[in-house]
Amino acid sequence: MSRYNIALNNHYQSRRKLHAVTWAEVQSGPPHALSWTVTCKVEGEVVGTATANQKSVAKEEAARIACERLGIN
């Protein structure tokens, strides 16, 4: 986990909403050049989506977008 992913999880865990944050991951492209699209949902609502060549990078960027949208730092 990286900075934004941790901030997002900590924010909701401190409010006792342990399952508020969910992730959807989709891979596309040929095996030698995969692309990952990760979507972050909070209580079922999409709050961040990002695409990158590495799943962890896409997830962190989706978390960053979600944090900005939700005012979490």
PDB file of N, CA and C in Angstrom:
ATOM      1  N   MET A   1       0.843  -1.184   0.000  1.00  0.00           N
ATOM      2  CA  MET A   1       0.000   0.000   0.000  1.00  0.00           C
ATOM      3  C   MET A   1       0.884   1.242   0.000  1.00  0.00           C
ATOM      4  N   SER A   2       0.380   2.241  -0.646  1.00  0.00           N
ATOM      5  CA  SER A   2       1.120   3.487  -0.707  1.00  0.00           C
ATOM      6  C   SER A   2       0.347   4.597  -0.016  1.00  0.00           C
ATOM      7  N   ARG A   3       0.890   5.777  -0.087  1.00  0.00           N
ATOM      8  CA  ARG A   3       0.402   6.912   0.679  1.00  0.00           C
ATOM      9  C   ARG A   3      -1.108   7.137   0.571  1.00  0.00           C
ATOM     10  N   TYR A   4      -1.632   7.278  -0.637  1.00  0.00           N
ATOM     11  CA  TYR A   4      -3.050   7.603  -0.802  1.00  0.00           C
ATOM     12  C   TYR A   4      -3.951   6.426  -0.456  1.00  0.00           C
ATOM     13  N   ASN A   5      -3.513   5.245  -0.805  1.00  0.00           N
ATOM     14  CA  ASN A   5      -4.271   4.045  -0.468  1.00  0.00           C
ATOM     15  C   ASN A   5      -4.399   3.923   1.053  1.00  0.00           C
ATOM     16  N   ILE A   6      -3.313   4.147   1.751  1.00  0.00           N
ATOM     17  CA  ILE A   6      -3.310   4.093   3.217  1.00  0.00           C
ATOM     18  C   ILE A   6      -4.199   5.187   3.800  1.00  0.00           C
ATOM     19  N   ALA A   7      -4.093   6.400   3.274  1.00  0.00           N
ATOM     20  CA  ALA A   7      -4.894   7.522   3.778  1.00  0.00           C
ATOM     21  C   ALA A   7      -6.388   7.238   3.621  1.00  0.00           C
ATOM     22  N   LEU A   8      -6.750   6.692   2.473  1.00  0.00           N
ATOM     23  CA  LEU A   8      -8.153   6.373   2.208  1.00  0.00           C
ATOM     24  C   LEU A   8      -8.658   5.304   3.169  1.00  0.00           C
ATOM     25  N   ASN A   9      -7.899   4.225   3.318  1.00  0.00           N
ATOM     26  CA  ASN A   9      -8.296   3.158   4.238  1.00  0.00           C
ATOM     27  C   ASN A   9      -8.354   3.643   5.682  1.00  0.00           C
ATOM     28  N   ASN A  10      -7.352   4.394   6.108  1.00  0.00           N
ATOM     29  CA  ASN A  10      -7.333   4.900   7.487  1.00  0.00           C
ATOM     30  C   ASN A  10      -8.524   5.812   7.768  1.00  0.00           C
ATOM     31  N   HIS A  11      -8.872   6.640   6.800  1.00  0.00           N
ATOM     32  CA  HIS A  11      -9.999   7.559   6.966  1.00  0.00           C
ATOM     33  C   HIS A  11     -11.287   6.795   7.288  1.00  0.00           C
ATOM     34  N   TYR A  12     -11.568   5.757   6.518  1.00  0.00           N
ATOM     35  CA  TYR A  12     -12.817   5.018   6.733  1.00  0.00           C
ATOM     36  C   TYR A  12     -12.732   4.044   7.903  1.00  0.00           C
ATOM     37  N   GLN A  13     -11.579   3.482   8.152  1.00  0.00           N
ATOM     38  CA  GLN A  13     -11.431   2.596   9.315  1.00  0.00           C
ATOM     39  C   GLN A  13     -11.602   3.368  10.609  1.00  0.00           C
ATOM     40  N   SER A  14     -11.129   4.610  10.645  1.00  0.00           N
ATOM     41  CA  SER A  14     -11.278   5.413  11.866  1.00  0.00           C
ATOM     42  C   SER A  14     -12.743   5.769  12.123  1.00  0.00           C
ATOM     43  N   ARG A  15     -13.556   5.666  11.092  1.00  0.00           N
ATOM     44  CA  ARG A  15     -14.990   5.932  11.230  1.00  0.00           C
ATOM     45  C   ARG A  15     -15.794   4.638  11.344  1.00  0.00           C
ATOM     46  N   ARG A  16     -15.078   3.544  11.555  1.00  0.00           N
ATOM     47  CA  ARG A  16     -15.663   2.214  11.719  1.00  0.00           C
ATOM     48  C   ARG A  16     -16.440   1.743  10.489  1.00  0.00           C
ATOM     49  N   LYS A  17     -16.015   2.209   9.335  1.00  0.00           N
ATOM     50  CA  LYS A  17     -16.592   1.765   8.067  1.00  0.00           C
ATOM     51  C   LYS A  17     -15.551   0.896   7.376  1.00  0.00           C
ATOM     52  N   LEU A  18     -15.387  -0.307   7.911  1.00  0.00           N
ATOM     53  CA  LEU A  18     -14.290  -1.173   7.507  1.00  0.00           C
ATOM     54  C   LEU A  18     -14.409  -1.675   6.076  1.00  0.00           C
ATOM     55  N   HIS A  19     -15.603  -1.749   5.537  1.00  0.00           N
ATOM     56  CA  HIS A  19     -15.792  -2.281   4.186  1.00  0.00           C
ATOM     57  C   HIS A  19     -16.310  -1.217   3.226  1.00  0.00           C
ATOM     58  N   ALA A  20     -16.082   0.044   3.550  1.00  0.00           N
ATOM     59  CA  ALA A  20     -16.588   1.132   2.712  1.00  0.00           C
ATOM     60  C   ALA A  20     -15.831   1.226   1.390  1.00  0.00           C
ATOM     61  N   VAL A  21     -14.527   0.932   1.409  1.00  0.00           N
ATOM     62  CA  VAL A  21     -13.694   1.078   0.218  1.00  0.00           C
ATOM     63  C   VAL A  21     -13.557  -0.268  -0.483  1.00  0.00           C
ATOM     64  N   THR A  22     -13.912  -0.294  -1.773  1.00  0.00           N
ATOM     65  CA  THR A  22     -13.745  -1.499  -2.574  1.00  0.00           C
ATOM     66  C   THR A  22     -13.035  -1.137  -3.876  1.00  0.00           C
ATOM     67  N   TRP A  23     -12.451  -2.153  -4.489  1.00  0.00           N
ATOM     68  CA  TRP A  23     -11.657  -1.956  -5.704  1.00  0.00           C
ATOM     69  C   TRP A  23     -12.114  -2.906  -6.793  1.00  0.00           C
ATOM     70  N   ALA A  24     -12.095  -2.433  -8.026  1.00  0.00           N
ATOM     71  CA  ALA A  24     -12.342  -3.279  -9.192  1.00  0.00           C
ATOM     72  C   ALA A  24     -11.121  -3.141 -10.093  1.00  0.00           C
ATOM     73  N   GLU A  25     -10.549  -4.276 -10.492  1.00  0.00           N
ATOM     74  CA  GLU A  25      -9.338  -4.276 -11.314  1.00  0.00           C
ATOM     75  C   GLU A  25      -9.611  -5.019 -12.616  1.00  0.00           C
ATOM     76  N   VAL A  26      -9.237  -4.404 -13.735  1.00  0.00           N
ATOM     77  CA  VAL A  26      -9.422  -5.018 -15.041  1.00  0.00           C
ATOM     78  C   VAL A  26      -8.103  -4.911 -15.807  1.00  0.00           C
ATOM     79  N   GLN A  27      -7.666  -6.040 -16.349  1.00  0.00           N
ATOM     80  CA  GLN A  27      -6.461  -6.010 -17.173  1.00  0.00           C
ATOM     81  C   GLN A  27      -6.846  -6.107 -18.634  1.00  0.00           C
ATOM     82  N   SER A  28      -6.042  -5.486 -19.492  1.00  0.00           N
ATOM     83  CA  SER A  28      -6.309  -5.550 -20.924  1.00  0.00           C
ATOM     84  C   SER A  28      -4.979  -5.532 -21.665  1.00  0.00           C
ATOM     85  N   GLY A  29      -5.034  -5.905 -22.916  1.00  0.00           N
ATOM     86  CA  GLY A  29      -3.843  -5.913 -23.745  1.00  0.00           C
ATOM     87  C   GLY A  29      -3.180  -7.273 -23.776  1.00  0.00           C
ATOM     88  N   PRO A  30      -2.157  -7.391 -24.616  1.00  0.00           N
ATOM     89  CA  PRO A  30      -1.440  -8.665 -24.742  1.00  0.00           C
ATOM     90  C   PRO A  30      -0.601  -8.944 -23.496  1.00  0.00           C
ATOM     91  N   PRO A  31      -0.275 -10.213 -23.251  1.00  0.00           N
ATOM     92  CA  PRO A  31       0.473 -10.579 -22.043  1.00  0.00           C
ATOM     93  C   PRO A  31       1.806  -9.837 -21.871  1.00  0.00           C
ATOM     94  N   HIS A  32       2.430  -9.470 -22.948  1.00  0.00           N
ATOM     95  CA  HIS A  32       3.727  -8.789 -22.843  1.00  0.00           C
ATOM     96  C   HIS A  32       3.584  -7.276 -22.630  1.00  0.00           C
ATOM     97  N   ALA A  33       2.371  -6.766 -22.706  1.00  0.00           N
ATOM     98  CA  ALA A  33       2.153  -5.328 -22.534  1.00  0.00           C
ATOM     99  C   ALA A  33       0.800  -5.080 -21.866  1.00  0.00           C
ATOM    100  N   LEU A  34       0.621  -5.633 -20.676  1.00  0.00           N
ATOM    101  CA  LEU A  34      -0.648  -5.482 -19.959  1.00  0.00           C
ATOM    102  C   LEU A  34      -0.889  -4.036 -19.539  1.00  0.00           C
ATOM    103  N   SER A  35      -2.133  -3.684 -19.510  1.00  0.00           N
ATOM    104  CA  SER A  35      -2.567  -2.404 -18.993  1.00  0.00           C
ATOM    105  C   SER A  35      -3.620  -2.697 -17.930  1.00  0.00           C
ATOM    106  N   TRP A  36      -3.537  -2.014 -16.819  1.00  0.00           N
ATOM    107  CA  TRP A  36      -4.469  -2.221 -15.710  1.00  0.00           C
ATOM    108  C   TRP A  36      -5.331  -0.980 -15.525  1.00  0.00           C
ATOM    109  N   THR A  37      -6.620  -1.197 -15.356  1.00  0.00           N
ATOM    110  CA  THR A  37      -7.530  -0.123 -14.986  1.00  0.00           C
ATOM    111  C   THR A  37      -8.118  -0.494 -13.631  1.00  0.00           C
ATOM    112  N   VAL A  38      -7.945   0.396 -12.676  1.00  0.00           N
ATOM    113  CA  VAL A  38      -8.422   0.154 -11.306  1.00  0.00           C
ATOM    114  C   VAL A  38      -9.440   1.232 -10.957  1.00  0.00           C
ATOM    115  N   THR A  39     -10.557   0.785 -10.414  1.00  0.00           N
ATOM    116  CA  THR A  39     -11.618   1.692  -9.990  1.00  0.00           C
ATOM    117  C   THR A  39     -11.785   1.596  -8.485  1.00  0.00           C
ATOM    118  N   CYS A  40     -11.826   2.735  -7.838  1.00  0.00           N
ATOM    119  CA  CYS A  40     -12.038   2.819  -6.388  1.00  0.00           C
ATOM    120  C   CYS A  40     -13.481   3.235  -6.148  1.00  0.00           C
ATOM    121  N   LYS A  41     -14.156   2.462  -5.309  1.00  0.00           N
ATOM    122  CA  LYS A  41     -15.526   2.792  -4.922  1.00  0.00           C
ATOM    123  C   LYS A  41     -15.586   2.985  -3.412  1.00  0.00           C
ATOM    124  N   VAL A  42     -16.360   3.953  -3.002  1.00  0.00           N
ATOM    125  CA  VAL A  42     -16.623   4.174  -1.581  1.00  0.00           C
ATOM    126  C   VAL A  42     -18.125   4.054  -1.389  1.00  0.00           C
ATOM    127  N   GLU A  43     -18.504   3.076  -0.590  1.00  0.00           N
ATOM    128  CA  GLU A  43     -19.911   2.778  -0.334  1.00  0.00           C
ATOM    129  C   GLU A  43     -20.679   2.630  -1.646  1.00  0.00           C
ATOM    130  N   GLY A  44     -20.038   1.963  -2.621  1.00  0.00           N
ATOM    131  CA  GLY A  44     -20.683   1.662  -3.890  1.00  0.00           C
ATOM    132  C   GLY A  44     -20.581   2.730  -4.963  1.00  0.00           C
ATOM    133  N   GLU A  45     -20.094   3.913  -4.618  1.00  0.00           N
ATOM    134  CA  GLU A  45     -19.994   5.018  -5.573  1.00  0.00           C
ATOM    135  C   GLU A  45     -18.568   5.121  -6.107  1.00  0.00           C
ATOM    136  N   VAL A  46     -18.425   5.199  -7.416  1.00  0.00           N
ATOM    137  CA  VAL A  46     -17.100   5.342  -8.029  1.00  0.00           C
ATOM    138  C   VAL A  46     -16.553   6.728  -7.698  1.00  0.00           C
ATOM    139  N   VAL A  47     -15.354   6.736  -7.090  1.00  0.00           N
ATOM    140  CA  VAL A  47     -14.732   8.012  -6.719  1.00  0.00           C
ATOM    141  C   VAL A  47     -13.350   8.191  -7.340  1.00  0.00           C
ATOM    142  N   GLY A  48     -12.847   7.166  -8.019  1.00  0.00           N
ATOM    143  CA  GLY A  48     -11.559   7.291  -8.679  1.00  0.00           C
ATOM    144  C   GLY A  48     -11.293   6.131  -9.613  1.00  0.00           C
ATOM    145  N   THR A  49     -10.775   6.432 -10.791  1.00  0.00           N
ATOM    146  CA  THR A  49     -10.405   5.413 -11.764  1.00  0.00           C
ATOM    147  C   THR A  49      -9.093   5.822 -12.408  1.00  0.00           C
ATOM    148  N   ALA A  50      -8.200   4.848 -12.590  1.00  0.00           N
ATOM    149  CA  ALA A  50      -6.911   5.136 -13.220  1.00  0.00           C
ATOM    150  C   ALA A  50      -6.437   3.927 -14.012  1.00  0.00           C
ATOM    151  N   THR A  51      -5.607   4.176 -15.019  1.00  0.00           N
ATOM    152  CA  THR A  51      -5.027   3.131 -15.853  1.00  0.00           C
ATOM    153  C   THR A  51      -3.519   3.308 -15.886  1.00  0.00           C
ATOM    154  N   ALA A  52      -2.800   2.179 -15.778  1.00  0.00           N
ATOM    155  CA  ALA A  52      -1.336   2.203 -15.819  1.00  0.00           C
ATOM    156  C   ALA A  52      -0.828   0.828 -16.249  1.00  0.00           C
ATOM    157  N   ASN A  53       0.459   0.741 -16.506  1.00  0.00           N
ATOM    158  CA  ASN A  53       1.068  -0.527 -16.904  1.00  0.00           C
ATOM    159  C   ASN A  53       1.290  -1.471 -15.730  1.00  0.00           C
ATOM    160  N   GLN A  54       1.238  -0.956 -14.513  1.00  0.00           N
ATOM    161  CA  GLN A  54       1.379  -1.769 -13.302  1.00  0.00           C
ATOM    162  C   GLN A  54       0.125  -1.598 -12.461  1.00  0.00           C
ATOM    163  N   LYS A  55      -0.383  -2.710 -11.942  1.00  0.00           N
ATOM    164  CA  LYS A  55      -1.607  -2.672 -11.143  1.00  0.00           C
ATOM    165  C   LYS A  55      -1.439  -1.769  -9.920  1.00  0.00           C
ATOM    166  N   SER A  56      -0.310  -1.862  -9.252  1.00  0.00           N
ATOM    167  CA  SER A  56      -0.096  -1.063  -8.037  1.00  0.00           C
ATOM    168  C   SER A  56      -0.084   0.434  -8.343  1.00  0.00           C
ATOM    169  N   VAL A  57       0.456   0.806  -9.487  1.00  0.00           N
ATOM    170  CA  VAL A  57       0.488   2.220  -9.879  1.00  0.00           C
ATOM    171  C   VAL A  57      -0.928   2.709 -10.191  1.00  0.00           C
ATOM    172  N   ALA A  58      -1.698   1.904 -10.897  1.00  0.00           N
ATOM    173  CA  ALA A  58      -3.077   2.275 -11.215  1.00  0.00           C
ATOM    174  C   ALA A  58      -3.911   2.400  -9.939  1.00  0.00           C
ATOM    175  N   LYS A  59      -3.708   1.492  -8.992  1.00  0.00           N
ATOM    176  CA  LYS A  59      -4.469   1.525  -7.739  1.00  0.00           C
ATOM    177  C   LYS A  59      -4.126   2.760  -6.920  1.00  0.00           C
ATOM    178  N   GLU A  60      -2.851   3.095  -6.848  1.00  0.00           N
ATOM    179  CA  GLU A  60      -2.444   4.273  -6.091  1.00  0.00           C
ATOM    180  C   GLU A  60      -2.983   5.545  -6.731  1.00  0.00           C
ATOM    181  N   GLU A  61      -2.970   5.609  -8.055  1.00  0.00           N
ATOM    182  CA  GLU A  61      -3.497   6.790  -8.741  1.00  0.00           C
ATOM    183  C   GLU A  61      -5.009   6.901  -8.551  1.00  0.00           C
ATOM    184  N   ALA A  62      -5.716   5.787  -8.591  1.00  0.00           N
ATOM    185  CA  ALA A  62      -7.159   5.799  -8.326  1.00  0.00           C
ATOM    186  C   ALA A  62      -7.428   6.266  -6.892  1.00  0.00           C
ATOM    187  N   ALA A  63      -6.594   5.829  -5.951  1.00  0.00           N
ATOM    188  CA  ALA A  63      -6.727   6.263  -4.555  1.00  0.00           C
ATOM    189  C   ALA A  63      -6.445   7.753  -4.416  1.00  0.00           C
ATOM    190  N   ARG A  64      -5.446   8.252  -5.158  1.00  0.00           N
ATOM    191  CA  ARG A  64      -5.126   9.685  -5.121  1.00  0.00           C
ATOM    192  C   ARG A  64      -6.315  10.505  -5.619  1.00  0.00           C
ATOM    193  N   ILE A  65      -6.894  10.076  -6.727  1.00  0.00           N
ATOM    194  CA  ILE A  65      -8.056  10.769  -7.285  1.00  0.00           C
ATOM    195  C   ILE A  65      -9.213  10.739  -6.287  1.00  0.00           C
ATOM    196  N   ALA A  66      -9.436   9.590  -5.664  1.00  0.00           N
ATOM    197  CA  ALA A  66     -10.510   9.460  -4.672  1.00  0.00           C
ATOM    198  C   ALA A  66     -10.272  10.386  -3.487  1.00  0.00           C
ATOM    199  N   CYS A  67      -9.050  10.421  -2.988  1.00  0.00           N
ATOM    200  CA  CYS A  67      -8.731  11.296  -1.847  1.00  0.00           C
ATOM    201  C   CYS A  67      -8.981  12.758  -2.195  1.00  0.00           C
ATOM    202  N   GLU A  68      -8.544  13.176  -3.385  1.00  0.00           N
ATOM    203  CA  GLU A  68      -8.779  14.554  -3.793  1.00  0.00           C
ATOM    204  C   GLU A  68     -10.270  14.860  -3.885  1.00  0.00           C
ATOM    205  N   ARG A  69     -11.010  13.951  -4.505  1.00  0.00           N
ATOM    206  CA  ARG A  69     -12.452  14.154  -4.685  1.00  0.00           C
ATOM    207  C   ARG A  69     -13.181  14.221  -3.343  1.00  0.00           C
ATOM    208  N   LEU A  70     -12.711  13.410  -2.369  1.00  0.00           N
ATOM    209  CA  LEU A  70     -13.388  13.331  -1.074  1.00  0.00           C
ATOM    210  C   LEU A  70     -12.804  14.275  -0.024  1.00  0.00           C
ATOM    211  N   GLY A  71     -11.742  14.991  -0.373  1.00  0.00           N
ATOM    212  CA  GLY A  71     -11.120  15.922   0.567  1.00  0.00           C
ATOM    213  C   GLY A  71     -10.340  15.246   1.673  1.00  0.00           C
ATOM    214  N   ILE A  72      -9.751  14.086   1.369  1.00  0.00           N
ATOM    215  CA  ILE A  72      -8.943  13.344   2.347  1.00  0.00           C
ATOM    216  C   ILE A  72      -7.476  13.591   2.027  1.00  0.00           C
ATOM    217  N   ASN A  73      -6.686  13.963   3.051  1.00  0.00           N
ATOM    218  CA  ASN A  73      -5.258  14.187   2.794  1.00  0.00           C
ATOM    219  C   ASN A  73      -4.390  13.361   3.653  1.00  0.00           C
TER     220      ASN A  73
END
